[in-house]
Amino acid sequence: MSIDYEELATYIEEYLVSPFYSKRSEALTNLGLEKILKRKNPYLFRAKNIQSAGEMAAQILSAHLSSQEETIFGNLMEELAIHICGGVFGGFKPAEKIWRSIDLIFDKDDTRYLVGIKSGPNWGNSDQIAAMKRNFKLARQLSREEGWNGQIVCVNGVMYGTDNVPLKEDSGDPEQNYSKLCGQDFWSLVSADDELYTRIITPLGEKAKERDEAFQSLCVKAENRLTKEILDRFYEDDEIQWTAMVEYVSKAKRK
């Protein structure tokens, strides 16, 4: 089954762009300094030689949003990939928690693909990758127990980037072998469309443009609130009181 790009554009608007901006806007609603400052590194802000309350507010707000956006958008893009694969191959996300590290299962010809989806190519440390490999081995066993007799390919699917050596072999245990497919290779795998990776960028941009103006207005209001709180709490003698800020973030509550 080929992709209906008109339907895909509608899906991207309703289930990706709209919830992404809604969640970003929620993150700004009633956002105050106390809610976010204690989760930020005051030493980093000092090392960047921030001079004004407005600059401080802008930096804090940017750090707060960026820490959330990658996760929010990554989850929505994962849902997009599953939706596309569902339409083309009947792919689905397993509901049972026993399928650890597996976000998508689909069959093509005589091969079952067990896919763990990540946002970017440098997503994990060695321990996390080792855990994924063990979970791939378990997923192979579960597929065979369910009666699958064909070939099984485990895939670390990555939404963007490249990897010039996609086959990752485990010299000690072939059951932990997997392929790391990034960017074009990943989107081609789940859709059988080698151009999908570029074609989804157009509806993303068109729909985002419509919603960004309202979001930017919320950003300005949030930045103004944070600026006022910094002035009220940490500004004296026409400069930021960094010692007071560090104490606010890190001072121990000792008896």
Protein backbone atom coordinates (compact mmCIF):
# COMPACT_ATOMS: atom_id res chain seq x y z
CA MET A 1 0.00 0.00 0.00
CA SER A 2 1.41 3.39 -0.99
CA ILE A 3 1.25 6.54 1.11
CA ASP A 4 -1.64 8.98 0.69
CA TYR A 5 0.22 12.26 1.14
CA GLU A 6 -2.94 14.32 1.55
CA GLU A 7 -4.02 12.09 4.42
CA LEU A 8 -0.50 12.25 5.82
CA ALA A 9 -0.54 16.06 5.80
CA THR A 10 -3.84 16.02 7.70
CA TYR A 11 -2.41 13.55 10.22
CA ILE A 12 0.69 15.70 10.73
CA GLU A 13 -1.47 18.76 11.42
CA GLU A 14 -3.85 17.02 13.83
CA TYR A 15 -1.58 14.57 15.63
CA LEU A 16 1.88 16.12 15.47
CA VAL A 17 1.97 19.89 14.99
CA SER A 18 -1.19 20.67 16.96
CA PRO A 19 -0.31 18.62 20.08
CA PHE A 20 3.32 19.77 19.91
CA TYR A 21 2.32 23.43 20.09
CA SER A 22 -0.35 22.67 22.68
CA LYS A 23 2.20 20.97 24.94
CA ARG A 24 4.73 23.77 24.39
CA SER A 25 2.07 26.33 25.28
CA GLU A 26 1.10 24.38 28.40
CA ALA A 27 4.74 24.53 29.48
CA LEU A 28 4.50 28.34 29.46
CA THR A 29 1.17 28.70 31.24
CA ASN A 30 1.65 30.15 34.72
CA LEU A 31 5.38 29.49 34.42
CA GLY A 32 7.25 31.16 37.25
CA LEU A 33 10.87 31.49 38.29
CA GLU A 34 10.53 29.19 41.29
CA LYS A 35 9.23 26.36 39.12
CA ILE A 36 12.26 26.23 36.84
CA LEU A 37 15.27 27.98 38.40
CA LYS A 38 16.05 25.22 40.90
CA ARG A 39 16.41 22.78 37.99
CA LYS A 40 18.96 24.94 36.20
CA ASN A 41 22.69 25.41 36.72
CA PRO A 42 23.43 28.93 38.04
CA TYR A 43 27.18 28.42 37.52
CA LEU A 44 26.59 27.94 33.79
CA PHE A 45 24.62 31.16 33.54
CA ARG A 46 27.36 33.01 35.44
CA ALA A 47 30.06 31.57 33.18
CA LYS A 48 28.15 32.95 30.18
CA ASN A 49 28.62 36.45 31.67
CA ILE A 50 24.93 37.30 31.71
CA GLN A 51 24.54 40.96 32.70
CA SER A 52 20.84 41.83 32.65
CA ALA A 53 17.65 40.41 34.13
CA GLY A 54 16.10 40.28 30.67
CA GLU A 55 18.98 38.27 29.26
CA MET A 56 18.83 35.96 32.28
CA ALA A 57 15.10 35.42 31.78
CA ALA A 58 15.56 34.68 28.08
CA GLN A 59 18.31 32.13 28.80
CA ILE A 60 16.30 30.37 31.52
CA LEU A 61 13.21 30.24 29.33
CA SER A 62 15.16 28.87 26.36
CA ALA A 63 16.80 26.18 28.49
CA HIS A 64 13.44 25.22 29.99
CA LEU A 65 11.75 24.86 26.62
CA SER A 66 14.59 23.04 24.87
CA SER A 67 14.82 20.44 27.65
CA GLN A 68 11.18 19.51 27.02
CA GLU A 69 10.83 19.92 23.28
CA GLU A 70 13.13 17.09 22.20
CA THR A 71 11.15 14.57 24.26
CA ILE A 72 7.74 15.92 23.27
CA PHE A 73 8.54 16.08 19.57
CA GLY A 74 10.39 12.75 19.58
CA ASN A 75 7.36 10.96 21.02
CA LEU A 76 5.06 12.54 18.43
CA MET A 77 7.41 11.64 15.58
CA GLU A 78 7.52 8.07 16.86
CA GLU A 79 3.73 7.97 16.66
CA LEU A 80 3.95 9.32 13.10
CA ALA A 81 6.33 6.54 12.08
CA ILE A 82 4.05 3.90 13.61
CA HIS A 83 1.03 5.44 11.88
CA ILE A 84 2.76 5.37 8.50
CA CYS A 85 4.01 1.82 8.95
CA GLY A 86 0.55 0.75 10.09
CA GLY A 87 -0.93 1.96 6.83
CA VAL A 88 1.75 0.42 4.61
CA PHE A 89 2.64 -2.83 6.37
CA GLY A 90 0.10 -3.21 9.17
CA GLY A 91 2.78 -2.31 11.70
CA PHE A 92 1.83 -1.71 15.32
CA LYS A 93 3.22 -0.74 18.70
CA PRO A 94 3.13 -3.71 21.10
CA ALA A 95 0.98 -3.07 24.15
CA GLU A 96 2.60 -5.58 26.48
CA LYS A 97 5.46 -4.28 28.60
CA ILE A 98 7.39 -7.51 28.00
CA TRP A 99 8.41 -6.09 24.61
CA ARG A 100 11.08 -3.89 26.14
CA SER A 101 12.90 -1.53 23.72
CA ILE A 102 10.39 -2.43 20.96
CA ASP A 103 8.23 0.42 19.67
CA LEU A 104 7.13 -1.05 16.35
CA ILE A 105 6.56 -4.54 14.95
CA PHE A 106 5.76 -5.28 11.32
CA ASP A 107 6.14 -8.09 8.80
CA LYS A 108 7.39 -7.69 5.25
CA ASP A 109 7.57 -10.73 2.97
CA ASP A 110 9.10 -13.46 5.17
CA THR A 111 10.79 -11.09 7.61
CA ARG A 112 9.59 -9.72 10.92
CA TYR A 113 11.05 -6.37 11.93
CA LEU A 114 11.35 -5.49 15.60
CA VAL A 115 12.08 -1.77 15.81
CA GLY A 116 13.17 0.41 18.68
CA ILE A 117 12.75 4.08 17.70
CA LYS A 118 15.04 6.87 18.87
CA SER A 119 15.04 10.57 18.04
CA GLY A 120 18.72 11.04 17.21
CA PRO A 121 21.76 8.91 16.41
CA ASN A 122 23.68 9.62 19.64
CA TRP A 123 20.92 8.65 21.99
CA GLY A 124 22.57 6.37 24.55
CA ASN A 125 25.68 5.34 26.45
CA SER A 126 27.26 1.88 26.34
CA ASP A 127 25.10 0.55 29.17
CA GLN A 128 21.89 1.70 27.48
CA ILE A 129 22.94 0.16 24.18
CA ALA A 130 23.83 -3.11 25.92
CA ALA A 131 20.37 -3.15 27.52
CA MET A 132 18.75 -2.57 24.12
CA LYS A 133 20.70 -5.51 22.65
CA ARG A 134 19.54 -7.80 25.46
CA ASN A 135 15.97 -6.66 24.89
CA PHE A 136 16.32 -7.36 21.16
CA LYS A 137 17.38 -10.92 22.01
CA LEU A 138 14.34 -11.29 24.26
CA ALA A 139 12.06 -9.89 21.54
CA ARG A 140 13.37 -12.49 19.09
CA GLN A 141 12.50 -15.22 21.58
CA LEU A 142 9.02 -13.79 22.14
CA SER A 143 8.36 -13.71 18.38
CA ARG A 144 9.33 -17.36 18.03
CA GLU A 145 7.17 -18.31 21.01
CA GLU A 146 4.25 -16.62 19.25
CA GLY A 147 4.84 -18.88 16.25
CA TRP A 148 6.89 -16.72 13.90
CA ASN A 149 9.12 -19.03 11.83
CA GLY A 150 10.59 -16.55 9.35
CA GLN A 151 13.60 -14.29 9.54
CA ILE A 152 13.75 -11.72 12.34
CA VAL A 153 15.57 -8.41 12.01
CA CYS A 154 16.04 -6.12 15.00
CA VAL A 155 16.39 -2.43 14.17
CA ASN A 156 17.50 0.60 16.10
CA GLY A 157 15.51 3.12 14.06
CA VAL A 158 16.65 6.74 14.26
CA MET A 159 14.60 9.62 12.89
CA TYR A 160 17.47 11.71 11.56
CA GLY A 161 21.18 11.46 10.81
CA THR A 162 23.22 8.74 9.12
CA ASP A 163 25.22 5.65 9.99
CA ASN A 164 27.60 4.31 7.38
CA VAL A 165 27.96 0.92 9.11
CA PRO A 166 24.35 -0.02 9.86
CA LEU A 167 24.90 -3.68 10.77
CA LYS A 168 25.96 -3.95 14.42
CA GLU A 169 27.25 -7.45 15.07
CA ASP A 170 27.82 -9.00 18.49
CA SER A 171 30.77 -11.36 18.25
CA GLY A 172 29.70 -13.27 21.33
CA ASP A 173 25.99 -13.62 20.65
CA PRO A 174 24.40 -13.32 17.17
CA GLU A 175 20.98 -13.04 18.84
CA GLN A 176 22.06 -9.55 19.88
CA ASN A 177 22.89 -8.43 16.36
CA TYR A 178 20.88 -5.47 15.09
CA SER A 179 20.81 -2.84 12.35
CA LYS A 180 21.00 0.87 13.08
CA LEU A 181 19.02 2.65 10.37
CA CYS A 182 19.05 6.44 10.46
CA GLY A 183 17.27 9.20 8.59
CA GLN A 184 16.36 8.23 5.06
CA ASP A 185 17.05 4.54 5.69
CA PHE A 186 14.72 4.47 8.70
CA TRP A 187 11.81 6.26 7.02
CA SER A 188 12.25 4.11 3.92
CA LEU A 189 12.11 0.96 6.04
CA VAL A 190 8.79 1.83 7.70
CA SER A 191 7.13 3.21 4.56
CA ALA A 192 8.71 1.59 1.47
CA ASP A 193 9.05 5.18 0.20
CA ASP A 194 12.63 6.33 -0.29
CA GLU A 195 11.59 10.00 -0.47
CA LEU A 196 9.40 10.12 2.63
CA TYR A 197 12.13 11.57 4.82
CA THR A 198 12.12 14.80 2.81
CA ARG A 199 8.43 14.90 1.95
CA ILE A 200 7.24 15.07 5.57
CA ILE A 201 9.19 18.30 6.17
CA THR A 202 6.84 20.38 3.97
CA PRO A 203 3.56 19.84 5.85
CA LEU A 204 5.45 20.23 9.13
CA GLY A 205 6.60 23.70 8.14
CA GLU A 206 3.27 24.80 6.70
CA LYS A 207 1.27 23.85 9.78
CA ALA A 208 3.87 25.12 12.25
CA LYS A 209 3.84 28.58 10.67
CA GLU A 210 0.14 28.89 11.40
CA ARG A 211 0.59 28.18 15.11
CA ASP A 212 3.90 29.83 15.89
CA GLU A 213 2.59 33.41 16.17
CA ALA A 214 0.35 32.58 19.14
CA PHE A 215 3.15 30.61 20.77
CA GLN A 216 5.63 33.48 20.40
CA SER A 217 3.15 35.78 22.13
CA LEU A 218 3.07 33.41 25.11
CA CYS A 219 6.88 33.32 25.12
CA VAL A 220 7.08 37.10 25.38
CA LYS A 221 4.66 37.13 28.32
CA ALA A 222 6.54 34.34 30.10
CA GLU A 223 9.87 36.11 29.56
CA ASN A 224 8.44 39.33 30.97
CA ARG A 225 7.17 37.51 34.07
CA LEU A 226 10.56 35.88 34.64
CA THR A 227 12.36 39.20 34.14
CA LYS A 228 10.20 40.86 36.79
CA GLU A 229 10.77 38.00 39.25
CA ILE A 230 14.54 38.14 38.73
CA LEU A 231 14.50 41.90 39.31
CA ASP A 232 12.41 41.51 42.45
CA ARG A 233 14.39 38.62 43.92
CA PHE A 234 17.97 38.78 42.67
CA TYR A 235 18.65 42.34 41.51
CA GLU A 236 20.37 44.94 43.67
CA ASP A 237 22.67 47.88 42.99
CA ASP A 238 21.86 47.58 39.29
CA GLU A 239 23.26 44.06 38.92
CA ILE A 240 22.33 40.42 39.40
CA GLN A 241 23.19 39.10 42.86
CA TRP A 242 24.76 35.78 41.90
CA THR A 243 25.55 34.66 45.43
CA ALA A 244 21.90 35.03 46.37
CA MET A 245 20.90 33.05 43.29
CA VAL A 246 23.31 30.20 44.08
CA GLU A 247 22.03 30.11 47.67
CA TYR A 248 18.45 29.99 46.40
CA VAL A 249 19.21 27.01 44.16
CA SER A 250 21.67 25.05 46.30
CA LYS A 251 21.73 26.07 49.98
CA ALA A 252 21.20 23.02 52.20
CA LYS A 253 18.25 22.98 54.60
CA ARG A 254 20.14 22.01 57.75
CA LYS A 255 18.82 21.99 61.27
